[in-house]
Amino acid sequence: MDAVDQILAQWCRERPDLNVTPMGLLGRMARLQVHLRREIEGNLAQHGLSAPNFDILATLRRAGPPFALSPGELLATAMITSGTMTTRVDQLARLGLVSRQPNPDDGRSVIVTLTPAGRELVDAAVTSHVATQAAITAPLSAEDFDQLDDLLRRYLAYFEPPK
């Protein structure tokens, strides 16, 4: 029995009229998220990055040359407001990791571009990020990993239908 099983047993004792089965699944997912986030954020902190800042740098990096996107394109990959995006880009620009260039297609907007220092940092960070991800998924067998990945993909599709 894990801690979640104990919680479920208590609810079953106190409220036998409720089906608390979903609470177990969601509780385990929430508890796992705490552990996973701690490992991932600890790794990124070794590179001087927060998870949100890494997300922006990684989005620019995986966009490929010239490693540049409009704020709207960046916003489409993150679940944040435009004001939050502006704050993050401002912070990364102050650190010399991104720059803002005029948008050649629209003089009223800008393109956010990964600087050489930003590319060097994100390349180092993503290398250790992938290693961290491998380490925290290592307890799963290859079969379990594939099965869990498939189940989560299908579950996520309920909230984020494939395009």
N, C-alpha and C. Protein backbone atom coordinates (compact mmCIF):
# COMPACT_ATOMS: atom_id res chain seq x y z
N MET A 1 0.84 -1.20 0.00
CA MET A 1 0.00 0.00 0.00
C MET A 1 0.87 1.24 0.00
N ASP A 2 0.56 2.16 -0.87
CA ASP A 2 1.27 3.43 -0.85
C ASP A 2 0.43 4.47 -0.10
N ALA A 3 0.95 5.68 -0.02
CA ALA A 3 0.27 6.74 0.73
C ALA A 3 -1.11 7.04 0.14
N VAL A 4 -1.22 6.95 -1.17
CA VAL A 4 -2.51 7.23 -1.80
C VAL A 4 -3.53 6.15 -1.44
N ASP A 5 -3.09 4.88 -1.40
CA ASP A 5 -3.98 3.80 -0.97
C ASP A 5 -4.52 4.06 0.44
N GLN A 6 -3.67 4.57 1.30
CA GLN A 6 -4.09 4.88 2.67
C GLN A 6 -5.15 5.97 2.68
N ILE A 7 -4.96 6.98 1.86
CA ILE A 7 -5.95 8.06 1.77
C ILE A 7 -7.27 7.51 1.25
N LEU A 8 -7.20 6.68 0.22
CA LEU A 8 -8.43 6.09 -0.33
C LEU A 8 -9.15 5.23 0.70
N ALA A 9 -8.39 4.46 1.46
CA ALA A 9 -8.99 3.61 2.49
C ALA A 9 -9.71 4.47 3.53
N GLN A 10 -9.11 5.58 3.89
CA GLN A 10 -9.76 6.48 4.86
C GLN A 10 -11.06 7.03 4.30
N TRP A 11 -11.05 7.45 3.02
CA TRP A 11 -12.28 7.97 2.43
C TRP A 11 -13.33 6.88 2.30
N CYS A 12 -12.92 5.68 1.95
CA CYS A 12 -13.88 4.57 1.84
C CYS A 12 -14.52 4.27 3.19
N ARG A 13 -13.72 4.39 4.25
CA ARG A 13 -14.25 4.17 5.60
C ARG A 13 -15.23 5.29 5.97
N GLU A 14 -14.84 6.52 5.69
CA GLU A 14 -15.64 7.68 6.11
C GLU A 14 -16.80 7.99 5.18
N ARG A 15 -16.61 7.72 3.88
CA ARG A 15 -17.66 8.03 2.90
C ARG A 15 -17.82 6.87 1.93
N PRO A 16 -18.36 5.74 2.43
CA PRO A 16 -18.50 4.56 1.56
C PRO A 16 -19.47 4.79 0.40
N ASP A 17 -20.21 5.88 0.45
CA ASP A 17 -21.15 6.19 -0.62
C ASP A 17 -20.46 6.79 -1.85
N LEU A 18 -19.18 7.15 -1.73
CA LEU A 18 -18.46 7.78 -2.85
C LEU A 18 -17.51 6.79 -3.53
N ASN A 19 -17.43 6.88 -4.83
CA ASN A 19 -16.44 6.12 -5.59
C ASN A 19 -15.20 7.00 -5.69
N VAL A 20 -14.21 6.72 -4.87
CA VAL A 20 -13.00 7.55 -4.83
C VAL A 20 -11.88 7.00 -5.73
N THR A 21 -12.19 6.05 -6.57
CA THR A 21 -11.17 5.46 -7.45
C THR A 21 -10.43 6.52 -8.28
N PRO A 22 -11.14 7.49 -8.91
CA PRO A 22 -10.41 8.51 -9.67
C PRO A 22 -9.43 9.31 -8.80
N MET A 23 -9.76 9.48 -7.53
CA MET A 23 -8.88 10.20 -6.62
C MET A 23 -7.52 9.52 -6.54
N GLY A 24 -7.50 8.20 -6.61
CA GLY A 24 -6.24 7.47 -6.55
C GLY A 24 -5.36 7.76 -7.75
N LEU A 25 -5.93 7.65 -8.94
CA LEU A 25 -5.17 7.92 -10.16
C LEU A 25 -4.66 9.36 -10.18
N LEU A 26 -5.54 10.30 -9.93
CA LEU A 26 -5.16 11.71 -9.98
C LEU A 26 -4.21 12.07 -8.84
N GLY A 27 -4.40 11.48 -7.69
CA GLY A 27 -3.50 11.73 -6.57
C GLY A 27 -2.09 11.24 -6.86
N ARG A 28 -1.99 10.07 -7.46
CA ARG A 28 -0.67 9.55 -7.82
C ARG A 28 -0.01 10.42 -8.88
N MET A 29 -0.79 10.87 -9.85
CA MET A 29 -0.24 11.74 -10.89
C MET A 29 0.25 13.05 -10.28
N ALA A 30 -0.51 13.60 -9.36
CA ALA A 30 -0.11 14.86 -8.71
C ALA A 30 1.16 14.67 -7.88
N ARG A 31 1.22 13.58 -7.15
CA ARG A 31 2.40 13.31 -6.32
C ARG A 31 3.64 13.07 -7.19
N LEU A 32 3.46 12.34 -8.28
CA LEU A 32 4.56 12.12 -9.21
C LEU A 32 5.04 13.45 -9.81
N GLN A 33 4.11 14.31 -10.14
CA GLN A 33 4.47 15.61 -10.72
C GLN A 33 5.37 16.41 -9.77
N VAL A 34 5.10 16.35 -8.48
CA VAL A 34 5.94 17.04 -7.50
C VAL A 34 7.37 16.51 -7.56
N HIS A 35 7.51 15.20 -7.58
CA HIS A 35 8.85 14.60 -7.62
C HIS A 35 9.56 14.89 -8.95
N LEU A 36 8.83 14.75 -10.03
CA LEU A 36 9.43 14.99 -11.35
C LEU A 36 9.85 16.44 -11.51
N ARG A 37 8.98 17.36 -11.11
CA ARG A 37 9.30 18.79 -11.21
C ARG A 37 10.55 19.12 -10.39
N ARG A 38 10.65 18.55 -9.19
CA ARG A 38 11.81 18.83 -8.33
C ARG A 38 13.10 18.40 -9.02
N GLU A 39 13.10 17.21 -9.62
CA GLU A 39 14.29 16.72 -10.32
C GLU A 39 14.64 17.59 -11.52
N ILE A 40 13.63 17.91 -12.31
CA ILE A 40 13.86 18.69 -13.53
C ILE A 40 14.30 20.11 -13.19
N GLU A 41 13.62 20.75 -12.25
CA GLU A 41 13.99 22.12 -11.89
C GLU A 41 15.36 22.18 -11.23
N GLY A 42 15.72 21.15 -10.46
CA GLY A 42 17.05 21.09 -9.86
C GLY A 42 18.13 21.02 -10.92
N ASN A 43 17.90 20.23 -11.95
CA ASN A 43 18.85 20.14 -13.04
C ASN A 43 18.98 21.47 -13.77
N LEU A 44 17.86 22.10 -14.09
CA LEU A 44 17.90 23.37 -14.82
C LEU A 44 18.57 24.47 -14.00
N ALA A 45 18.36 24.43 -12.70
CA ALA A 45 18.98 25.43 -11.82
C ALA A 45 20.50 25.37 -11.89
N GLN A 46 21.05 24.18 -12.16
CA GLN A 46 22.50 24.05 -12.30
C GLN A 46 23.01 24.84 -13.50
N HIS A 47 22.11 25.18 -14.41
CA HIS A 47 22.46 25.99 -15.59
C HIS A 47 22.00 27.43 -15.41
N GLY A 48 21.51 27.76 -14.22
CA GLY A 48 21.03 29.12 -13.97
C GLY A 48 19.69 29.42 -14.62
N LEU A 49 18.92 28.37 -14.89
CA LEU A 49 17.64 28.55 -15.59
C LEU A 49 16.47 28.10 -14.74
N SER A 50 15.37 28.79 -14.90
CA SER A 50 14.10 28.32 -14.36
C SER A 50 13.43 27.50 -15.47
N ALA A 51 12.46 26.70 -15.11
CA ALA A 51 11.75 25.90 -16.11
C ALA A 51 11.08 26.79 -17.17
N PRO A 52 10.41 27.89 -16.78
CA PRO A 52 9.79 28.74 -17.81
C PRO A 52 10.82 29.36 -18.77
N ASN A 53 11.96 29.80 -18.24
CA ASN A 53 12.97 30.39 -19.12
C ASN A 53 13.58 29.33 -20.03
N PHE A 54 13.81 28.14 -19.49
CA PHE A 54 14.30 27.04 -20.32
C PHE A 54 13.31 26.74 -21.44
N ASP A 55 12.03 26.78 -21.13
CA ASP A 55 11.00 26.49 -22.13
C ASP A 55 11.11 27.44 -23.32
N ILE A 56 11.31 28.72 -23.05
CA ILE A 56 11.42 29.69 -24.13
C ILE A 56 12.69 29.44 -24.94
N LEU A 57 13.82 29.27 -24.25
CA LEU A 57 15.07 29.03 -24.96
C LEU A 57 15.00 27.74 -25.78
N ALA A 58 14.44 26.69 -25.20
CA ALA A 58 14.32 25.40 -25.90
C ALA A 58 13.39 25.51 -27.10
N THR A 59 12.33 26.29 -26.98
CA THR A 59 11.40 26.49 -28.10
C THR A 59 12.11 27.19 -29.25
N LEU A 60 12.89 28.21 -28.94
CA LEU A 60 13.66 28.89 -29.99
C LEU A 60 14.70 27.97 -30.60
N ARG A 61 15.36 27.16 -29.77
CA ARG A 61 16.42 26.27 -30.26
C ARG A 61 15.86 25.20 -31.19
N ARG A 62 14.73 24.61 -30.81
CA ARG A 62 14.20 23.53 -31.64
C ARG A 62 13.48 24.05 -32.89
N ALA A 63 13.29 25.37 -32.97
CA ALA A 63 12.70 25.97 -34.17
C ALA A 63 13.68 25.87 -35.35
N GLY A 64 14.97 25.69 -35.03
CA GLY A 64 15.97 25.60 -36.08
C GLY A 64 16.41 26.97 -36.55
N PRO A 65 17.46 27.00 -37.38
CA PRO A 65 17.97 28.29 -37.85
C PRO A 65 16.87 29.11 -38.49
N PRO A 66 16.78 30.37 -38.23
CA PRO A 66 17.70 31.24 -37.49
C PRO A 66 17.39 31.32 -35.99
N PHE A 67 16.69 30.32 -35.44
CA PHE A 67 16.37 30.26 -34.00
C PHE A 67 15.60 31.51 -33.58
N ALA A 68 14.57 31.83 -34.34
CA ALA A 68 13.80 33.05 -34.12
C ALA A 68 12.31 32.78 -34.33
N LEU A 69 11.50 33.35 -33.46
CA LEU A 69 10.04 33.22 -33.55
C LEU A 69 9.41 34.54 -33.12
N SER A 70 8.20 34.76 -33.57
CA SER A 70 7.45 35.92 -33.09
C SER A 70 6.97 35.62 -31.67
N PRO A 71 6.67 36.65 -30.91
CA PRO A 71 6.10 36.40 -29.58
C PRO A 71 4.83 35.55 -29.65
N GLY A 72 4.04 35.72 -30.68
CA GLY A 72 2.82 34.92 -30.84
C GLY A 72 3.13 33.45 -31.06
N GLU A 73 4.17 33.18 -31.85
CA GLU A 73 4.57 31.79 -32.07
C GLU A 73 5.11 31.17 -30.78
N LEU A 74 5.86 31.95 -30.01
CA LEU A 74 6.33 31.46 -28.71
C LEU A 74 5.14 31.19 -27.79
N LEU A 75 4.19 32.11 -27.79
CA LEU A 75 3.01 32.00 -26.93
C LEU A 75 2.19 30.76 -27.25
N ALA A 76 2.18 30.36 -28.52
CA ALA A 76 1.39 29.19 -28.93
C ALA A 76 1.93 27.90 -28.32
N THR A 77 3.19 27.89 -27.89
CA THR A 77 3.77 26.67 -27.33
C THR A 77 3.69 26.63 -25.81
N ALA A 78 3.31 27.74 -25.21
CA ALA A 78 3.28 27.82 -23.74
C ALA A 78 1.88 28.15 -23.27
N MET A 79 1.55 27.69 -22.07
CA MET A 79 0.22 27.98 -21.52
C MET A 79 0.34 29.16 -20.56
N ILE A 80 0.62 30.35 -21.14
CA ILE A 80 0.80 31.56 -20.34
C ILE A 80 0.14 32.72 -21.05
N THR A 81 0.02 33.85 -20.35
CA THR A 81 -0.55 35.05 -20.95
C THR A 81 0.53 35.81 -21.71
N SER A 82 0.10 36.72 -22.57
CA SER A 82 1.08 37.50 -23.33
C SER A 82 1.91 38.38 -22.41
N GLY A 83 1.33 38.87 -21.31
CA GLY A 83 2.09 39.67 -20.35
C GLY A 83 3.20 38.87 -19.70
N THR A 84 2.91 37.63 -19.37
CA THR A 84 3.92 36.75 -18.78
C THR A 84 5.02 36.47 -19.79
N MET A 85 4.66 36.26 -21.05
CA MET A 85 5.65 36.02 -22.09
C MET A 85 6.58 37.23 -22.21
N THR A 86 6.00 38.43 -22.19
CA THR A 86 6.80 39.64 -22.29
C THR A 86 7.79 39.73 -21.15
N THR A 87 7.36 39.42 -19.94
CA THR A 87 8.24 39.45 -18.77
C THR A 87 9.38 38.46 -18.93
N ARG A 88 9.08 37.27 -19.39
CA ARG A 88 10.12 36.24 -19.57
C ARG A 88 11.12 36.65 -20.64
N VAL A 89 10.62 37.14 -21.76
CA VAL A 89 11.51 37.56 -22.84
C VAL A 89 12.37 38.74 -22.37
N ASP A 90 11.78 39.67 -21.63
CA ASP A 90 12.56 40.79 -21.08
C ASP A 90 13.70 40.27 -20.22
N GLN A 91 13.41 39.32 -19.35
CA GLN A 91 14.43 38.76 -18.45
C GLN A 91 15.54 38.08 -19.25
N LEU A 92 15.17 37.29 -20.23
CA LEU A 92 16.16 36.60 -21.05
C LEU A 92 16.99 37.58 -21.88
N ALA A 93 16.36 38.67 -22.33
CA ALA A 93 17.09 39.69 -23.09
C ALA A 93 18.11 40.40 -22.19
N ARG A 94 17.70 40.71 -20.95
CA ARG A 94 18.64 41.34 -20.00
C ARG A 94 19.85 40.44 -19.74
N LEU A 95 19.64 39.14 -19.77
CA LEU A 95 20.72 38.18 -19.56
C LEU A 95 21.55 37.93 -20.83
N GLY A 96 21.14 38.53 -21.95
CA GLY A 96 21.86 38.36 -23.21
C GLY A 96 21.62 37.03 -23.88
N LEU A 97 20.53 36.36 -23.51
CA LEU A 97 20.24 35.04 -24.07
C LEU A 97 19.32 35.09 -25.28
N VAL A 98 18.55 36.15 -25.40
CA VAL A 98 17.71 36.39 -26.58
C VAL A 98 17.83 37.87 -26.94
N SER A 99 17.46 38.17 -28.16
CA SER A 99 17.38 39.57 -28.58
C SER A 99 16.07 39.77 -29.32
N ARG A 100 15.66 41.00 -29.40
CA ARG A 100 14.46 41.35 -30.17
C ARG A 100 14.91 42.04 -31.45
N GLN A 101 14.38 41.56 -32.57
CA GLN A 101 14.69 42.15 -33.86
C GLN A 101 13.37 42.61 -34.49
N PRO A 102 13.41 43.69 -35.26
CA PRO A 102 12.17 44.09 -35.96
C PRO A 102 11.68 42.96 -36.86
N ASN A 103 10.38 42.78 -36.91
CA ASN A 103 9.78 41.77 -37.77
C ASN A 103 9.76 42.31 -39.19
N PRO A 104 10.46 41.66 -40.12
CA PRO A 104 10.50 42.18 -41.49
C PRO A 104 9.14 42.13 -42.19
N ASP A 105 8.23 41.29 -41.67
CA ASP A 105 6.90 41.17 -42.29
C ASP A 105 5.87 42.10 -41.66
N ASP A 106 6.21 42.68 -40.52
CA ASP A 106 5.26 43.53 -39.79
C ASP A 106 6.06 44.50 -38.92
N GLY A 107 6.18 45.73 -39.37
CA GLY A 107 6.98 46.73 -38.67
C GLY A 107 6.49 47.05 -37.27
N ARG A 108 5.28 46.63 -36.93
CA ARG A 108 4.74 46.91 -35.59
C ARG A 108 5.13 45.86 -34.57
N SER A 109 5.77 44.77 -35.01
CA SER A 109 6.08 43.69 -34.08
C SER A 109 7.56 43.32 -34.16
N VAL A 110 7.95 42.39 -33.31
CA VAL A 110 9.34 41.96 -33.25
C VAL A 110 9.44 40.45 -33.41
N ILE A 111 10.66 40.01 -33.63
CA ILE A 111 10.99 38.59 -33.65
C ILE A 111 11.96 38.37 -32.50
N VAL A 112 11.72 37.34 -31.71
CA VAL A 112 12.63 37.00 -30.61
C VAL A 112 13.64 35.99 -31.15
N THR A 113 14.91 36.31 -30.98
CA THR A 113 15.98 35.50 -31.55
C THR A 113 16.92 35.01 -30.45
N LEU A 114 17.28 33.78 -30.53
CA LEU A 114 18.26 33.18 -29.62
C LEU A 114 19.63 33.74 -29.95
N THR A 115 20.33 34.27 -28.95
CA THR A 115 21.68 34.78 -29.17
C THR A 115 22.67 33.61 -29.15
N PRO A 116 23.90 33.82 -29.60
CA PRO A 116 24.89 32.75 -29.49
C PRO A 116 25.07 32.27 -28.04
N ALA A 117 25.06 33.19 -27.08
CA ALA A 117 25.17 32.78 -25.68
C ALA A 117 23.96 31.97 -25.25
N GLY A 118 22.78 32.36 -25.72
CA GLY A 118 21.56 31.61 -25.41
C GLY A 118 21.58 30.23 -26.02
N ARG A 119 22.10 30.13 -27.24
CA ARG A 119 22.17 28.81 -27.89
C ARG A 119 23.16 27.91 -27.16
N GLU A 120 24.29 28.45 -26.76
CA GLU A 120 25.28 27.66 -26.03
C GLU A 120 24.70 27.17 -24.70
N LEU A 121 24.01 28.06 -24.00
CA LEU A 121 23.42 27.68 -22.71
C LEU A 121 22.33 26.62 -22.88
N VAL A 122 21.43 26.84 -23.83
CA VAL A 122 20.33 25.89 -23.99
C VAL A 122 20.83 24.55 -24.50
N ASP A 123 21.87 24.54 -25.33
CA ASP A 123 22.42 23.26 -25.79
C ASP A 123 22.98 22.46 -24.61
N ALA A 124 23.69 23.15 -23.71
CA ALA A 124 24.21 22.46 -22.52
C ALA A 124 23.07 22.01 -21.62
N ALA A 125 22.09 22.88 -21.42
CA ALA A 125 20.97 22.57 -20.53
C ALA A 125 20.13 21.42 -21.07
N VAL A 126 19.87 21.41 -22.37
CA VAL A 126 19.01 20.35 -22.92
C VAL A 126 19.73 19.01 -22.88
N THR A 127 21.04 19.02 -23.00
CA THR A 127 21.78 17.76 -22.90
C THR A 127 21.60 17.13 -21.52
N SER A 128 21.77 17.93 -20.47
CA SER A 128 21.59 17.38 -19.12
C SER A 128 20.11 17.17 -18.80
N HIS A 129 19.23 17.96 -19.42
CA HIS A 129 17.79 17.80 -19.22
C HIS A 129 17.35 16.42 -19.72
N VAL A 130 17.83 16.04 -20.90
CA VAL A 130 17.49 14.74 -21.47
C VAL A 130 18.04 13.61 -20.58
N ALA A 131 19.25 13.80 -20.06
CA ALA A 131 19.83 12.79 -19.17
C ALA A 131 19.00 12.68 -17.89
N THR A 132 18.55 13.81 -17.36
CA THR A 132 17.71 13.79 -16.16
C THR A 132 16.40 13.07 -16.45
N GLN A 133 15.80 13.34 -17.59
CA GLN A 133 14.55 12.67 -17.95
C GLN A 133 14.75 11.16 -18.07
N ALA A 134 15.87 10.77 -18.65
CA ALA A 134 16.17 9.34 -18.76
C ALA A 134 16.31 8.71 -17.38
N ALA A 135 16.98 9.43 -16.47
CA ALA A 135 17.19 8.90 -15.12
C ALA A 135 15.88 8.75 -14.36
N ILE A 136 14.98 9.71 -14.50
CA ILE A 136 13.75 9.64 -13.71
C ILE A 136 12.69 8.73 -14.34
N THR A 137 12.92 8.29 -15.57
CA THR A 137 12.03 7.29 -16.16
C THR A 137 12.66 5.89 -16.16
N ALA A 138 13.89 5.80 -15.72
CA ALA A 138 14.61 4.51 -15.71
C ALA A 138 13.92 3.41 -14.90
N PRO A 139 13.18 3.74 -13.83
CA PRO A 139 12.53 2.64 -13.10
C PRO A 139 11.48 1.88 -13.91
N LEU A 140 11.05 2.43 -15.03
CA LEU A 140 10.05 1.76 -15.87
C LEU A 140 10.75 0.85 -16.88
N SER A 141 10.23 -0.34 -17.03
CA SER A 141 10.75 -1.21 -18.10
C SER A 141 10.37 -0.57 -19.43
N ALA A 142 11.00 -1.02 -20.50
CA ALA A 142 10.69 -0.48 -21.83
C ALA A 142 9.21 -0.70 -22.15
N GLU A 143 8.69 -1.87 -21.79
CA GLU A 143 7.28 -2.18 -22.04
C GLU A 143 6.36 -1.28 -21.22
N ASP A 144 6.67 -1.11 -19.94
CA ASP A 144 5.87 -0.23 -19.08
C ASP A 144 5.92 1.21 -19.57
N PHE A 145 7.11 1.64 -19.97
CA PHE A 145 7.28 3.00 -20.48
C PHE A 145 6.37 3.22 -21.69
N ASP A 146 6.42 2.30 -22.66
CA ASP A 146 5.61 2.44 -23.86
C ASP A 146 4.13 2.42 -23.54
N GLN A 147 3.73 1.54 -22.63
CA GLN A 147 2.31 1.43 -22.26
C GLN A 147 1.85 2.71 -21.55
N LEU A 148 2.64 3.20 -20.60
CA LEU A 148 2.27 4.42 -19.89
C LEU A 148 2.23 5.61 -20.83
N ASP A 149 3.21 5.70 -21.72
CA ASP A 149 3.26 6.79 -22.70
C ASP A 149 2.01 6.78 -23.57
N ASP A 150 1.60 5.60 -24.02
CA ASP A 150 0.41 5.48 -24.86
C ASP A 150 -0.86 5.87 -24.09
N LEU A 151 -0.98 5.39 -22.86
CA LEU A 151 -2.15 5.72 -22.04
C LEU A 151 -2.23 7.23 -21.78
N LEU A 152 -1.10 7.83 -21.44
CA LEU A 152 -1.11 9.27 -21.16
C LEU A 152 -1.39 10.08 -22.42
N ARG A 153 -0.89 9.62 -23.57
CA ARG A 153 -1.17 10.31 -24.84
C ARG A 153 -2.67 10.32 -25.10
N ARG A 154 -3.30 9.16 -24.90
CA ARG A 154 -4.75 9.07 -25.13
C ARG A 154 -5.53 9.91 -24.12
N TYR A 155 -5.08 9.92 -22.88
CA TYR A 155 -5.76 10.71 -21.84
C TYR A 155 -5.60 12.20 -22.13
N LEU A 156 -4.40 12.62 -22.49
CA LEU A 156 -4.16 14.03 -22.81
C LEU A 156 -4.97 14.48 -24.00
N ALA A 157 -5.20 13.59 -24.96
CA ALA A 157 -5.98 13.93 -26.14
C ALA A 157 -7.40 14.34 -25.80
N TYR A 158 -7.91 13.87 -24.67
CA TYR A 158 -9.25 14.30 -24.22
C TYR A 158 -9.27 15.80 -23.96
N PHE A 159 -8.19 16.32 -23.38
CA PHE A 159 -8.10 17.74 -23.03
C PHE A 159 -7.49 18.58 -24.15
N GLU A 160 -6.61 17.96 -24.93
CA GLU A 160 -5.92 18.63 -26.03
C GLU A 160 -6.05 17.76 -27.27
N PRO A 161 -7.19 17.85 -27.96
CA PRO A 161 -7.39 16.99 -29.13
C PRO A 161 -6.28 17.21 -30.16
N PRO A 162 -5.82 16.12 -30.78
CA PRO A 162 -4.78 16.25 -31.81
C PRO A 162 -5.27 17.13 -32.96
N LYS A 163 -4.33 17.84 -33.55
CA LYS A 163 -4.71 18.75 -34.65
C LYS A 163 -4.60 18.05 -35.97
